[in-house]
Amino acid sequence: MAIISHFLPFCFGIHKKLEAQIQ
C-alpha cells in the first residue's frame, strides 16, 4: 500500500502537467 501512496501523487502531477500543456 505504501507504494501506491507514493505513486499516486506522481501520476497526479503528470496529469496536471498534461492538462496545462493542452490549455
C-alpha atoms as a PDB file:
ATOM      1  CA  MET A   1       0.000   0.000   0.000  1.00  0.00           C
ATOM      2  CA  ALA A   2       2.916   2.343   0.690  1.00  0.00           C
ATOM      3  CA  ILE A   3       3.958   2.059  -2.962  1.00  0.00           C
ATOM      4  CA  ILE A   4       0.522   3.187  -4.189  1.00  0.00           C
ATOM      5  CA  SER A   5       0.561   6.084  -1.718  1.00  0.00           C
ATOM      6  CA  HIS A   6       3.890   7.205  -3.166  1.00  0.00           C
ATOM      7  CA  PHE A   7       2.936   6.624  -6.810  1.00  0.00           C
ATOM      8  CA  LEU A   8      -0.462   8.334  -6.787  1.00  0.00           C
ATOM      9  CA  PRO A   9       0.847  11.929  -6.296  1.00  0.00           C
ATOM     10  CA  PHE A  10       3.371  11.267  -9.073  1.00  0.00           C
ATOM     11  CA  CYS A  11       0.602  10.291 -11.520  1.00  0.00           C
ATOM     12  CA  PHE A  12      -1.476  13.271 -10.417  1.00  0.00           C
ATOM     13  CA  GLY A  13       1.448  15.621 -11.042  1.00  0.00           C
ATOM     14  CA  ILE A  14       1.883  14.288 -14.587  1.00  0.00           C
ATOM     15  CA  HIS A  15      -1.845  14.643 -15.224  1.00  0.00           C
ATOM     16  CA  LYS A  16      -1.807  18.296 -14.155  1.00  0.00           C
ATOM     17  CA  LYS A  17       1.232  18.936 -16.364  1.00  0.00           C
ATOM     18  CA  LEU A  18      -0.546  17.418 -19.374  1.00  0.00           C
ATOM     19  CA  GLU A  19      -3.634  19.475 -18.628  1.00  0.00           C
ATOM     20  CA  ALA A  20      -1.541  22.651 -18.514  1.00  0.00           C
ATOM     21  CA  GLN A  21       0.012  21.811 -21.894  1.00  0.00           C
ATOM     22  CA  ILE A  22      -3.388  21.234 -23.519  1.00  0.00           C
ATOM     23  CA  GLN A  23      -4.731  24.613 -22.379  1.00  0.00           C
END
